[in-house]
Amino acid sequence: MRSLWQHDETALAEIGKHLADQQPQVTVRIPRLLAEAAAAAWRREDEGVELDAETCEERIVRHRAGSLALIGAAVEDRGSTDGDWVVVKLHAWFVGDAFNAADDRNLVTGPPPT
């Protein structure tokens, strides 16, 4: 079964490769306070961090922090406020990163879309 899953992962990666070439975007609504946190991550200067002995978990956390910062860049560049929300067009890549982070923290309550 594991070899079948590895084959499936390879196929998923190939799909991801083709989707990345298309650079799909989606318009989303983010609570304003979270959009502000993302923008603050974008403005923050992270200096003096050693990455050479990084664990897999540390790399995932760093990658997700980078995704948050890039969402913050989009918020600052092209986000518009709508009451307590910010509406912004994001690359689907970052939407997927946010979904995966929420899923890993058991914050997603429904099934994945079909």
PDB file of N, CA and C in Angstrom:
ATOM      1  N   MET A   1       0.827  -1.190   0.000  1.00  0.00           N
ATOM      2  CA  MET A   1       0.000   0.000   0.000  1.00  0.00           C
ATOM      3  C   MET A   1       0.873   1.257   0.000  1.00  0.00           C
ATOM      4  N   ARG A   2       1.971   1.249   0.771  1.00  0.00           N
ATOM      5  CA  ARG A   2       2.832   2.441   0.838  1.00  0.00           C
ATOM      6  C   ARG A   2       3.434   2.789  -0.518  1.00  0.00           C
ATOM      7  N   SER A   3       3.764   1.778  -1.302  1.00  0.00           N
ATOM      8  CA  SER A   3       4.325   2.063  -2.627  1.00  0.00           C
ATOM      9  C   SER A   3       3.257   2.711  -3.518  1.00  0.00           C
ATOM     10  N   LEU A   4       2.024   2.313  -3.351  1.00  0.00           N
ATOM     11  CA  LEU A   4       0.927   2.935  -4.097  1.00  0.00           C
ATOM     12  C   LEU A   4       0.775   4.400  -3.676  1.00  0.00           C
ATOM     13  N   TRP A   5       0.877   4.659  -2.368  1.00  0.00           N
ATOM     14  CA  TRP A   5       0.781   6.033  -1.881  1.00  0.00           C
ATOM     15  C   TRP A   5       1.935   6.886  -2.408  1.00  0.00           C
ATOM     16  N   GLN A   6       3.126   6.290  -2.489  1.00  0.00           N
ATOM     17  CA  GLN A   6       4.259   7.033  -3.038  1.00  0.00           C
ATOM     18  C   GLN A   6       4.006   7.381  -4.502  1.00  0.00           C
ATOM     19  N   HIS A   7       3.413   6.455  -5.231  1.00  0.00           N
ATOM     20  CA  HIS A   7       3.057   6.727  -6.625  1.00  0.00           C
ATOM     21  C   HIS A   7       2.029   7.862  -6.677  1.00  0.00           C
ATOM     22  N   ASP A   8       1.040   7.815  -5.789  1.00  0.00           N
ATOM     23  CA  ASP A   8       0.024   8.870  -5.728  1.00  0.00           C
ATOM     24  C   ASP A   8       0.651  10.225  -5.407  1.00  0.00           C
ATOM     25  N   GLU A   9       1.605  10.238  -4.485  1.00  0.00           N
ATOM     26  CA  GLU A   9       2.273  11.484  -4.126  1.00  0.00           C
ATOM     27  C   GLU A   9       3.024  12.052  -5.329  1.00  0.00           C
ATOM     28  N   THR A  10       3.661  11.180  -6.098  1.00  0.00           N
ATOM     29  CA  THR A  10       4.366  11.615  -7.306  1.00  0.00           C
ATOM     30  C   THR A  10       3.392  12.228  -8.298  1.00  0.00           C
ATOM     31  N   ALA A  11       2.241  11.597  -8.479  1.00  0.00           N
ATOM     32  CA  ALA A  11       1.223  12.136  -9.387  1.00  0.00           C
ATOM     33  C   ALA A  11       0.713  13.491  -8.888  1.00  0.00           C
ATOM     34  N   LEU A  12       0.491  13.607  -7.576  1.00  0.00           N
ATOM     35  CA  LEU A  12       0.056  14.885  -7.004  1.00  0.00           C
ATOM     36  C   LEU A  12       1.104  15.969  -7.233  1.00  0.00           C
ATOM     37  N   ALA A  13       2.371  15.627  -7.058  1.00  0.00           N
ATOM     38  CA  ALA A  13       3.454  16.586  -7.290  1.00  0.00           C
ATOM     39  C   ALA A  13       3.474  17.034  -8.746  1.00  0.00           C
ATOM     40  N   GLU A  14       3.233  16.119  -9.665  1.00  0.00           N
ATOM     41  CA  GLU A  14       3.197  16.477 -11.088  1.00  0.00           C
ATOM     42  C   GLU A  14       2.024  17.415 -11.382  1.00  0.00           C
ATOM     43  N   ILE A  15       0.882  17.159 -10.758  1.00  0.00           N
ATOM     44  CA  ILE A  15      -0.251  18.080 -10.895  1.00  0.00           C
ATOM     45  C   ILE A  15       0.150  19.450 -10.360  1.00  0.00           C
ATOM     46  N   GLY A  16       0.791  19.473  -9.188  1.00  0.00           N
ATOM     47  CA  GLY A  16       1.243  20.728  -8.599  1.00  0.00           C
ATOM     48  C   GLY A  16       2.181  21.490  -9.514  1.00  0.00           C
ATOM     49  N   LYS A  17       3.056  20.753 -10.190  1.00  0.00           N
ATOM     50  CA  LYS A  17       3.994  21.384 -11.134  1.00  0.00           C
ATOM     51  C   LYS A  17       3.228  22.119 -12.228  1.00  0.00           C
ATOM     52  N   HIS A  18       2.205  21.475 -12.780  1.00  0.00           N
ATOM     53  CA  HIS A  18       1.438  22.096 -13.859  1.00  0.00           C
ATOM     54  C   HIS A  18       0.579  23.246 -13.342  1.00  0.00           C
ATOM     55  N   LEU A  19       0.047  23.115 -12.135  1.00  0.00           N
ATOM     56  CA  LEU A  19      -0.734  24.212 -11.561  1.00  0.00           C
ATOM     57  C   LEU A  19       0.155  25.417 -11.274  1.00  0.00           C
ATOM     58  N   ALA A  20       1.376  25.157 -10.795  1.00  0.00           N
ATOM     59  CA  ALA A  20       2.301  26.262 -10.510  1.00  0.00           C
ATOM     60  C   ALA A  20       2.638  27.028 -11.780  1.00  0.00           C
ATOM     61  N   ASP A  21       2.757  26.337 -12.900  1.00  0.00           N
ATOM     62  CA  ASP A  21       3.023  26.998 -14.176  1.00  0.00           C
ATOM     63  C   ASP A  21       1.875  27.939 -14.565  1.00  0.00           C
ATOM     64  N   GLN A  22       0.653  27.612 -14.123  1.00  0.00           N
ATOM     65  CA  GLN A  22      -0.520  28.428 -14.450  1.00  0.00           C
ATOM     66  C   GLN A  22      -0.699  29.604 -13.487  1.00  0.00           C
ATOM     67  N   GLN A  23      -0.072  29.526 -12.327  1.00  0.00           N
ATOM     68  CA  GLN A  23      -0.184  30.530 -11.278  1.00  0.00           C
ATOM     69  C   GLN A  23      -1.649  30.902 -11.003  1.00  0.00           C
ATOM     70  N   PRO A  24      -2.473  29.907 -10.641  1.00  0.00           N
ATOM     71  CA  PRO A  24      -3.885  30.199 -10.382  1.00  0.00           C
ATOM     72  C   PRO A  24      -4.046  31.089  -9.148  1.00  0.00           C
ATOM     73  N   GLN A  25      -5.039  31.955  -9.213  1.00  0.00           N
ATOM     74  CA  GLN A  25      -5.320  32.852  -8.098  1.00  0.00           C
ATOM     75  C   GLN A  25      -6.785  32.726  -7.705  1.00  0.00           C
ATOM     76  N   VAL A  26      -7.049  33.063  -6.454  1.00  0.00           N
ATOM     77  CA  VAL A  26      -8.411  33.012  -5.942  1.00  0.00           C
ATOM     78  C   VAL A  26      -8.617  34.227  -5.033  1.00  0.00           C
ATOM     79  N   THR A  27      -9.808  34.809  -5.095  1.00  0.00           N
ATOM     80  CA  THR A  27     -10.137  35.929  -4.218  1.00  0.00           C
ATOM     81  C   THR A  27     -10.691  35.373  -2.919  1.00  0.00           C
ATOM     82  N   VAL A  28     -10.139  35.830  -1.803  1.00  0.00           N
ATOM     83  CA  VAL A  28     -10.535  35.330  -0.485  1.00  0.00           C
ATOM     84  C   VAL A  28     -10.880  36.495   0.436  1.00  0.00           C
ATOM     85  N   ARG A  29     -11.589  36.159   1.506  1.00  0.00           N
ATOM     86  CA  ARG A  29     -11.908  37.117   2.570  1.00  0.00           C
ATOM     87  C   ARG A  29     -11.205  36.627   3.834  1.00  0.00           C
ATOM     88  N   ILE A  30     -10.393  37.488   4.408  1.00  0.00           N
ATOM     89  CA  ILE A  30      -9.622  37.152   5.606  1.00  0.00           C
ATOM     90  C   ILE A  30     -10.064  38.103   6.717  1.00  0.00           C
ATOM     91  N   PRO A  31     -10.287  37.586   7.941  1.00  0.00           N
ATOM     92  CA  PRO A  31     -10.586  38.513   9.031  1.00  0.00           C
ATOM     93  C   PRO A  31      -9.489  39.582   9.129  1.00  0.00           C
ATOM     94  N   ARG A  32      -9.913  40.830   9.318  1.00  0.00           N
ATOM     95  CA  ARG A  32      -8.990  41.964   9.296  1.00  0.00           C
ATOM     96  C   ARG A  32      -7.833  41.787  10.267  1.00  0.00           C
ATOM     97  N   LEU A  33      -8.078  41.292  11.473  1.00  0.00           N
ATOM     98  CA  LEU A  33      -6.994  41.126  12.442  1.00  0.00           C
ATOM     99  C   LEU A  33      -5.954  40.119  11.959  1.00  0.00           C
ATOM    100  N   LEU A  34      -6.389  39.060  11.285  1.00  0.00           N
ATOM    101  CA  LEU A  34      -5.438  38.089  10.735  1.00  0.00           C
ATOM    102  C   LEU A  34      -4.702  38.664   9.535  1.00  0.00           C
ATOM    103  N   ALA A  35      -5.393  39.466   8.729  1.00  0.00           N
ATOM    104  CA  ALA A  35      -4.726  40.130   7.605  1.00  0.00           C
ATOM    105  C   ALA A  35      -3.653  41.093   8.122  1.00  0.00           C
ATOM    106  N   GLU A  36      -3.951  41.780   9.223  1.00  0.00           N
ATOM    107  CA  GLU A  36      -2.958  42.678   9.816  1.00  0.00           C
ATOM    108  C   GLU A  36      -1.761  41.892  10.361  1.00  0.00           C
ATOM    109  N   ALA A  37      -2.003  40.716  10.940  1.00  0.00           N
ATOM    110  CA  ALA A  37      -0.905  39.869  11.425  1.00  0.00           C
ATOM    111  C   ALA A  37      -0.040  39.410  10.258  1.00  0.00           C
ATOM    112  N   ALA A  38      -0.669  39.084   9.133  1.00  0.00           N
ATOM    113  CA  ALA A  38       0.088  38.679   7.948  1.00  0.00           C
ATOM    114  C   ALA A  38       0.930  39.839   7.432  1.00  0.00           C
ATOM    115  N   ALA A  39       0.362  41.039   7.398  1.00  0.00           N
ATOM    116  CA  ALA A  39       1.104  42.213   6.930  1.00  0.00           C
ATOM    117  C   ALA A  39       2.277  42.505   7.867  1.00  0.00           C
ATOM    118  N   ALA A  40       2.079  42.324   9.169  1.00  0.00           N
ATOM    119  CA  ALA A  40       3.173  42.535  10.127  1.00  0.00           C
ATOM    120  C   ALA A  40       4.296  41.527   9.893  1.00  0.00           C
ATOM    121  N   ALA A  41       3.924  40.278   9.557  1.00  0.00           N
ATOM    122  CA  ALA A  41       4.944  39.265   9.248  1.00  0.00           C
ATOM    123  C   ALA A  41       5.731  39.676   8.008  1.00  0.00           C
ATOM    124  N   TRP A  42       5.060  40.282   7.036  1.00  0.00           N
ATOM    125  CA  TRP A  42       5.725  40.742   5.817  1.00  0.00           C
ATOM    126  C   TRP A  42       6.733  41.854   6.121  1.00  0.00           C
ATOM    127  N   ARG A  43       6.375  42.747   7.018  1.00  0.00           N
ATOM    128  CA  ARG A  43       7.247  43.893   7.342  1.00  0.00           C
ATOM    129  C   ARG A  43       8.394  43.525   8.282  1.00  0.00           C
ATOM    130  N   ARG A  44       8.293  42.409   8.976  1.00  0.00           N
ATOM    131  CA  ARG A  44       9.299  42.016   9.968  1.00  0.00           C
ATOM    132  C   ARG A  44      10.618  41.645   9.301  1.00  0.00           C
ATOM    133  N   GLU A  45      11.704  42.008   9.935  1.00  0.00           N
ATOM    134  CA  GLU A  45      13.043  41.629   9.469  1.00  0.00           C
ATOM    135  C   GLU A  45      13.514  40.427  10.287  1.00  0.00           C
ATOM    136  N   ASP A  46      13.657  39.288   9.647  1.00  0.00           N
ATOM    137  CA  ASP A  46      14.164  38.082  10.314  1.00  0.00           C
ATOM    138  C   ASP A  46      15.644  37.955   9.976  1.00  0.00           C
ATOM    139  N   GLU A  47      16.491  38.193  10.959  1.00  0.00           N
ATOM    140  CA  GLU A  47      17.934  38.154  10.716  1.00  0.00           C
ATOM    141  C   GLU A  47      18.615  37.194  11.679  1.00  0.00           C
ATOM    142  N   GLY A  48      19.764  36.693  11.262  1.00  0.00           N
ATOM    143  CA  GLY A  48      20.604  35.891  12.134  1.00  0.00           C
ATOM    144  C   GLY A  48      20.084  34.502  12.446  1.00  0.00           C
ATOM    145  N   VAL A  49      19.296  33.933  11.567  1.00  0.00           N
ATOM    146  CA  VAL A  49      18.739  32.606  11.794  1.00  0.00           C
ATOM    147  C   VAL A  49      19.605  31.573  11.083  1.00  0.00           C
ATOM    148  N   GLU A  50      20.056  30.556  11.812  1.00  0.00           N
ATOM    149  CA  GLU A  50      20.837  29.454  11.233  1.00  0.00           C
ATOM    150  C   GLU A  50      19.874  28.378  10.735  1.00  0.00           C
ATOM    151  N   LEU A  51      20.012  27.995   9.476  1.00  0.00           N
ATOM    152  CA  LEU A  51      19.097  27.024   8.889  1.00  0.00           C
ATOM    153  C   LEU A  51      19.751  25.687   8.585  1.00  0.00           C
ATOM    154  N   ASP A  52      21.038  25.565   8.810  1.00  0.00           N
ATOM    155  CA  ASP A  52      21.751  24.368   8.373  1.00  0.00           C
ATOM    156  C   ASP A  52      21.366  23.095   9.133  1.00  0.00           C
ATOM    157  N   ALA A  53      20.927  23.180  10.360  1.00  0.00           N
ATOM    158  CA  ALA A  53      20.585  21.982  11.135  1.00  0.00           C
ATOM    159  C   ALA A  53      19.077  21.906  11.381  1.00  0.00           C
ATOM    160  N   GLU A  54      18.314  22.297  10.405  1.00  0.00           N
ATOM    161  CA  GLU A  54      16.869  22.372  10.524  1.00  0.00           C
ATOM    162  C   GLU A  54      16.229  20.981  10.445  1.00  0.00           C
ATOM    163  N   THR A  55      15.275  20.707  11.354  1.00  0.00           N
ATOM    164  CA  THR A  55      14.507  19.471  11.263  1.00  0.00           C
ATOM    165  C   THR A  55      13.404  19.654  10.220  1.00  0.00           C
ATOM    166  N   CYS A  56      12.779  18.576   9.841  1.00  0.00           N
ATOM    167  CA  CYS A  56      11.678  18.647   8.890  1.00  0.00           C
ATOM    168  C   CYS A  56      10.552  19.520   9.444  1.00  0.00           C
ATOM    169  N   GLU A  57      10.233  19.350  10.704  1.00  0.00           N
ATOM    170  CA  GLU A  57       9.170  20.137  11.334  1.00  0.00           C
ATOM    171  C   GLU A  57       9.522  21.621  11.356  1.00  0.00           C
ATOM    172  N   GLU A  58      10.785  21.940  11.649  1.00  0.00           N
ATOM    173  CA  GLU A  58      11.218  23.340  11.663  1.00  0.00           C
ATOM    174  C   GLU A  58      11.142  23.947  10.262  1.00  0.00           C
ATOM    175  N   ARG A  59      11.481  23.161   9.253  1.00  0.00           N
ATOM    176  CA  ARG A  59      11.395  23.653   7.882  1.00  0.00           C
ATOM    177  C   ARG A  59       9.951  23.946   7.496  1.00  0.00           C
ATOM    178  N   ILE A  60       9.032  23.082   7.902  1.00  0.00           N
ATOM    179  CA  ILE A  60       7.613  23.293   7.612  1.00  0.00           C
ATOM    180  C   ILE A  60       7.127  24.573   8.273  1.00  0.00           C
ATOM    181  N   VAL A  61       7.479  24.775   9.548  1.00  0.00           N
ATOM    182  CA  VAL A  61       7.069  25.983  10.261  1.00  0.00           C
ATOM    183  C   VAL A  61       7.647  27.222   9.587  1.00  0.00           C
ATOM    184  N   ARG A  62       8.921  27.173   9.194  1.00  0.00           N
ATOM    185  CA  ARG A  62       9.555  28.318   8.519  1.00  0.00           C
ATOM    186  C   ARG A  62       8.872  28.587   7.185  1.00  0.00           C
ATOM    187  N   HIS A  63       8.593  27.536   6.436  1.00  0.00           N
ATOM    188  CA  HIS A  63       7.911  27.692   5.152  1.00  0.00           C
ATOM    189  C   HIS A  63       6.545  28.343   5.350  1.00  0.00           C
ATOM    190  N   ARG A  64       5.816  27.886   6.352  1.00  0.00           N
ATOM    191  CA  ARG A  64       4.478  28.445   6.600  1.00  0.00           C
ATOM    192  C   ARG A  64       4.557  29.893   7.074  1.00  0.00           C
ATOM    193  N   ALA A  65       5.576  30.225   7.859  1.00  0.00           N
ATOM    194  CA  ALA A  65       5.771  31.624   8.257  1.00  0.00           C
ATOM    195  C   ALA A  65       6.039  32.484   7.020  1.00  0.00           C
ATOM    196  N   GLY A  66       6.804  31.949   6.083  1.00  0.00           N
ATOM    197  CA  GLY A  66       7.051  32.659   4.829  1.00  0.00           C
ATOM    198  C   GLY A  66       5.773  32.840   4.021  1.00  0.00           C
ATOM    199  N   SER A  67       4.931  31.821   3.999  1.00  0.00           N
ATOM    200  CA  SER A  67       3.655  31.927   3.293  1.00  0.00           C
ATOM    201  C   SER A  67       2.784  33.006   3.921  1.00  0.00           C
ATOM    202  N   LEU A  68       2.756  33.052   5.250  1.00  0.00           N
ATOM    203  CA  LEU A  68       1.999  34.102   5.937  1.00  0.00           C
ATOM    204  C   LEU A  68       2.515  35.476   5.528  1.00  0.00           C
ATOM    205  N   ALA A  69       3.838  35.637   5.497  1.00  0.00           N
ATOM    206  CA  ALA A  69       4.416  36.923   5.117  1.00  0.00           C
ATOM    207  C   ALA A  69       4.045  37.293   3.684  1.00  0.00           C
ATOM    208  N   LEU A  70       4.044  36.327   2.784  1.00  0.00           N
ATOM    209  CA  LEU A  70       3.688  36.623   1.397  1.00  0.00           C
ATOM    210  C   LEU A  70       2.195  36.931   1.253  1.00  0.00           C
ATOM    211  N   ILE A  71       1.369  36.323   2.080  1.00  0.00           N
ATOM    212  CA  ILE A  71      -0.044  36.721   2.134  1.00  0.00           C
ATOM    213  C   ILE A  71      -0.121  38.171   2.609  1.00  0.00           C
ATOM    214  N   GLY A  72       0.708  38.519   3.605  1.00  0.00           N
ATOM    215  CA  GLY A  72       0.750  39.894   4.089  1.00  0.00           C
ATOM    216  C   GLY A  72       1.170  40.872   3.008  1.00  0.00           C
ATOM    217  N   ALA A  73       2.109  40.475   2.154  1.00  0.00           N
ATOM    218  CA  ALA A  73       2.517  41.337   1.042  1.00  0.00           C
ATOM    219  C   ALA A  73       1.340  41.581   0.105  1.00  0.00           C
ATOM    220  N   ALA A  74       0.570  40.532  -0.174  1.00  0.00           N
ATOM    221  CA  ALA A  74      -0.609  40.680  -1.037  1.00  0.00           C
ATOM    222  C   ALA A  74      -1.648  41.585  -0.387  1.00  0.00           C
ATOM    223  N   VAL A  75      -1.835  41.425   0.921  1.00  0.00           N
ATOM    224  CA  VAL A  75      -2.780  42.267   1.657  1.00  0.00           C
ATOM    225  C   VAL A  75      -2.368  43.735   1.535  1.00  0.00           C
ATOM    226  N   GLU A  76      -1.092  44.017   1.761  1.00  0.00           N
ATOM    227  CA  GLU A  76      -0.624  45.400   1.680  1.00  0.00           C
ATOM    228  C   GLU A  76      -0.695  45.941   0.255  1.00  0.00           C
ATOM    229  N   ASP A  77      -0.406  45.105  -0.723  1.00  0.00           N
ATOM    230  CA  ASP A  77      -0.331  45.552  -2.111  1.00  0.00           C
ATOM    231  C   ASP A  77      -1.708  45.747  -2.749  1.00  0.00           C
ATOM    232  N   ARG A  78      -2.623  44.789  -2.502  1.00  0.00           N
ATOM    233  CA  ARG A  78      -3.879  44.842  -3.239  1.00  0.00           C
ATOM    234  C   ARG A  78      -5.112  44.472  -2.413  1.00  0.00           C
ATOM    235  N   GLY A  79      -4.962  44.393  -1.089  1.00  0.00           N
ATOM    236  CA  GLY A  79      -6.105  44.069  -0.247  1.00  0.00           C
ATOM    237  C   GLY A  79      -7.022  45.266  -0.073  1.00  0.00           C
ATOM    238  N   SER A  80      -8.309  44.998   0.102  1.00  0.00           N
ATOM    239  CA  SER A  80      -9.268  46.062   0.378  1.00  0.00           C
ATOM    240  C   SER A  80     -10.116  45.646   1.571  1.00  0.00           C
ATOM    241  N   THR A  81     -10.387  46.600   2.435  1.00  0.00           N
ATOM    242  CA  THR A  81     -11.162  46.297   3.634  1.00  0.00           C
ATOM    243  C   THR A  81     -12.652  46.302   3.310  1.00  0.00           C
ATOM    244  N   ASP A  82     -13.339  45.417   3.999  1.00  0.00           N
ATOM    245  CA  ASP A  82     -14.789  45.302   3.888  1.00  0.00           C
ATOM    246  C   ASP A  82     -15.301  45.018   5.294  1.00  0.00           C
ATOM    247  N   GLY A  83     -15.450  46.075   6.082  1.00  0.00           N
ATOM    248  CA  GLY A  83     -15.839  45.912   7.477  1.00  0.00           C
ATOM    249  C   GLY A  83     -14.714  45.262   8.265  1.00  0.00           C
ATOM    250  N   ASP A  84     -15.009  44.137   8.890  1.00  0.00           N
ATOM    251  CA  ASP A  84     -14.015  43.404   9.683  1.00  0.00           C
ATOM    252  C   ASP A  84     -13.238  42.396   8.848  1.00  0.00           C
ATOM    253  N   TRP A  85     -13.319  42.516   7.526  1.00  0.00           N
ATOM    254  CA  TRP A  85     -12.662  41.583   6.617  1.00  0.00           C
ATOM    255  C   TRP A  85     -11.752  42.329   5.661  1.00  0.00           C
ATOM    256  N   VAL A  86     -10.787  41.602   5.127  1.00  0.00           N
ATOM    257  CA  VAL A  86      -9.957  42.104   4.041  1.00  0.00           C
ATOM    258  C   VAL A  86     -10.158  41.154   2.863  1.00  0.00           C
ATOM    259  N   VAL A  87     -10.441  41.731   1.712  1.00  0.00           N
ATOM    260  CA  VAL A  87     -10.633  40.956   0.488  1.00  0.00           C
ATOM    261  C   VAL A  87      -9.359  41.102  -0.335  1.00  0.00           C
ATOM    262  N   VAL A  88      -8.798  39.966  -0.749  1.00  0.00           N
ATOM    263  CA  VAL A  88      -7.536  39.998  -1.487  1.00  0.00           C
ATOM    264  C   VAL A  88      -7.446  38.796  -2.415  1.00  0.00           C
ATOM    265  N   LYS A  89      -6.801  38.996  -3.546  1.00  0.00           N
ATOM    266  CA  LYS A  89      -6.557  37.902  -4.474  1.00  0.00           C
ATOM    267  C   LYS A  89      -5.206  37.287  -4.118  1.00  0.00           C
ATOM    268  N   LEU A  90      -5.201  35.966  -3.872  1.00  0.00           N
ATOM    269  CA  LEU A  90      -3.992  35.244  -3.490  1.00  0.00           C
ATOM    270  C   LEU A  90      -3.689  34.161  -4.502  1.00  0.00           C
ATOM    271  N   HIS A  91      -2.419  33.840  -4.635  1.00  0.00           N
ATOM    272  CA  HIS A  91      -2.050  32.662  -5.403  1.00  0.00           C
ATOM    273  C   HIS A  91      -2.597  31.441  -4.661  1.00  0.00           C
ATOM    274  N   ALA A  92      -3.096  30.485  -5.397  1.00  0.00           N
ATOM    275  CA  ALA A  92      -3.676  29.281  -4.806  1.00  0.00           C
ATOM    276  C   ALA A  92      -2.668  28.550  -3.923  1.00  0.00           C
ATOM    277  N   TRP A  93      -1.372  28.714  -4.226  1.00  0.00           N
ATOM    278  CA  TRP A  93      -0.316  28.096  -3.437  1.00  0.00           C
ATOM    279  C   TRP A  93      -0.463  28.455  -1.958  1.00  0.00           C
ATOM    280  N   PHE A  94      -0.712  29.746  -1.682  1.00  0.00           N
ATOM    281  CA  PHE A  94      -0.804  30.214  -0.298  1.00  0.00           C
ATOM    282  C   PHE A  94      -2.104  29.776   0.354  1.00  0.00           C
ATOM    283  N   VAL A  95      -3.152  29.670  -0.433  1.00  0.00           N
ATOM    284  CA  VAL A  95      -4.416  29.152   0.089  1.00  0.00           C
ATOM    285  C   VAL A  95      -4.211  27.705   0.533  1.00  0.00           C
ATOM    286  N   GLY A  96      -3.514  26.920  -0.288  1.00  0.00           N
ATOM    287  CA  GLY A  96      -3.216  25.532   0.075  1.00  0.00           C
ATOM    288  C   GLY A  96      -2.363  25.442   1.327  1.00  0.00           C
ATOM    289  N   ASP A  97      -1.357  26.334   1.446  1.00  0.00           N
ATOM    290  CA  ASP A  97      -0.522  26.347   2.653  1.00  0.00           C
ATOM    291  C   ASP A  97      -1.367  26.631   3.886  1.00  0.00           C
ATOM    292  N   ALA A  98      -2.303  27.576   3.777  1.00  0.00           N
ATOM    293  CA  ALA A  98      -3.167  27.909   4.911  1.00  0.00           C
ATOM    294  C   ALA A  98      -4.073  26.737   5.264  1.00  0.00           C
ATOM    295  N   PHE A  99      -4.629  26.071   4.245  1.00  0.00           N
ATOM    296  CA  PHE A  99      -5.456  24.882   4.499  1.00  0.00           C
ATOM    297  C   PHE A  99      -4.652  23.797   5.199  1.00  0.00           C
ATOM    298  N   ASN A 100      -3.448  23.530   4.728  1.00  0.00           N
ATOM    299  CA  ASN A 100      -2.624  22.489   5.341  1.00  0.00           C
ATOM    300  C   ASN A 100      -2.275  22.828   6.782  1.00  0.00           C
ATOM    301  N   ALA A 101      -1.937  24.086   7.059  1.00  0.00           N
ATOM    302  CA  ALA A 101      -1.623  24.490   8.436  1.00  0.00           C
ATOM    303  C   ALA A 101      -2.844  24.317   9.333  1.00  0.00           C
ATOM    304  N   ALA A 102      -4.013  24.714   8.841  1.00  0.00           N
ATOM    305  CA  ALA A 102      -5.244  24.563   9.632  1.00  0.00           C
ATOM    306  C   ALA A 102      -5.568  23.092   9.864  1.00  0.00           C
ATOM    307  N   ASP A 103      -5.369  22.278   8.845  1.00  0.00           N
ATOM    308  CA  ASP A 103      -5.641  20.851   8.972  1.00  0.00           C
ATOM    309  C   ASP A 103      -4.697  20.211   9.994  1.00  0.00           C
ATOM    310  N   ASP A 104      -3.420  20.577   9.944  1.00  0.00           N
ATOM    311  CA  ASP A 104      -2.451  20.017  10.889  1.00  0.00           C
ATOM    312  C   ASP A 104      -2.757  20.411  12.331  1.00  0.00           C
ATOM    313  N   ARG A 105      -3.420  21.536  12.516  1.00  0.00           N
ATOM    314  CA  ARG A 105      -3.789  21.976  13.875  1.00  0.00           C
ATOM    315  C   ARG A 105      -5.236  21.627  14.215  1.00  0.00           C
ATOM    316  N   ASN A 106      -5.847  20.798  13.384  1.00  0.00           N
ATOM    317  CA  ASN A 106      -7.229  20.355  13.583  1.00  0.00           C
ATOM    318  C   ASN A 106      -8.207  21.525  13.657  1.00  0.00           C
ATOM    319  N   LEU A 107      -7.976  22.547  12.839  1.00  0.00           N
ATOM    320  CA  LEU A 107      -8.860  23.707  12.803  1.00  0.00           C
ATOM    321  C   LEU A 107      -9.893  23.610  11.689  1.00  0.00           C
ATOM    322  N   VAL A 108      -9.714  22.667  10.780  1.00  0.00           N
ATOM    323  CA  VAL A 108     -10.655  22.484   9.683  1.00  0.00           C
ATOM    324  C   VAL A 108     -11.707  21.496  10.158  1.00  0.00           C
ATOM    325  N   THR A 109     -12.956  21.926  10.114  1.00  0.00           N
ATOM    326  CA  THR A 109     -14.019  21.084  10.689  1.00  0.00           C
ATOM    327  C   THR A 109     -14.775  20.278   9.659  1.00  0.00           C
ATOM    328  N   GLY A 110     -14.688  20.657   8.422  1.00  0.00           N
ATOM    329  CA  GLY A 110     -15.437  19.933   7.398  1.00  0.00           C
ATOM    330  C   GLY A 110     -14.550  19.070   6.546  1.00  0.00           C
ATOM    331  N   PRO A 111     -15.157  18.286   5.698  1.00  0.00           N
ATOM    332  CA  PRO A 111     -14.373  17.454   4.783  1.00  0.00           C
ATOM    333  C   PRO A 111     -13.745  18.329   3.706  1.00  0.00           C
ATOM    334  N   PRO A 112     -12.689  17.841   3.072  1.00  0.00           N
ATOM    335  CA  PRO A 112     -12.114  18.600   1.962  1.00  0.00           C
ATOM    336  C   PRO A 112     -13.129  18.707   0.826  1.00  0.00           C
ATOM    337  N   PRO A 113     -13.011  19.760   0.019  1.00  0.00           N
ATOM    338  CA  PRO A 113     -13.975  19.910  -1.076  1.00  0.00           C
ATOM    339  C   PRO A 113     -13.856  18.769  -2.084  1.00  0.00           C
ATOM    340  N   THR A 114     -14.969  18.453  -2.693  1.00  0.00           N
ATOM    341  CA  THR A 114     -14.958  17.377  -3.705  1.00  0.00           C
ATOM    342  C   THR A 114     -15.028  17.952  -5.090  1.00  0.00           C
TER     343      THR A 114
END
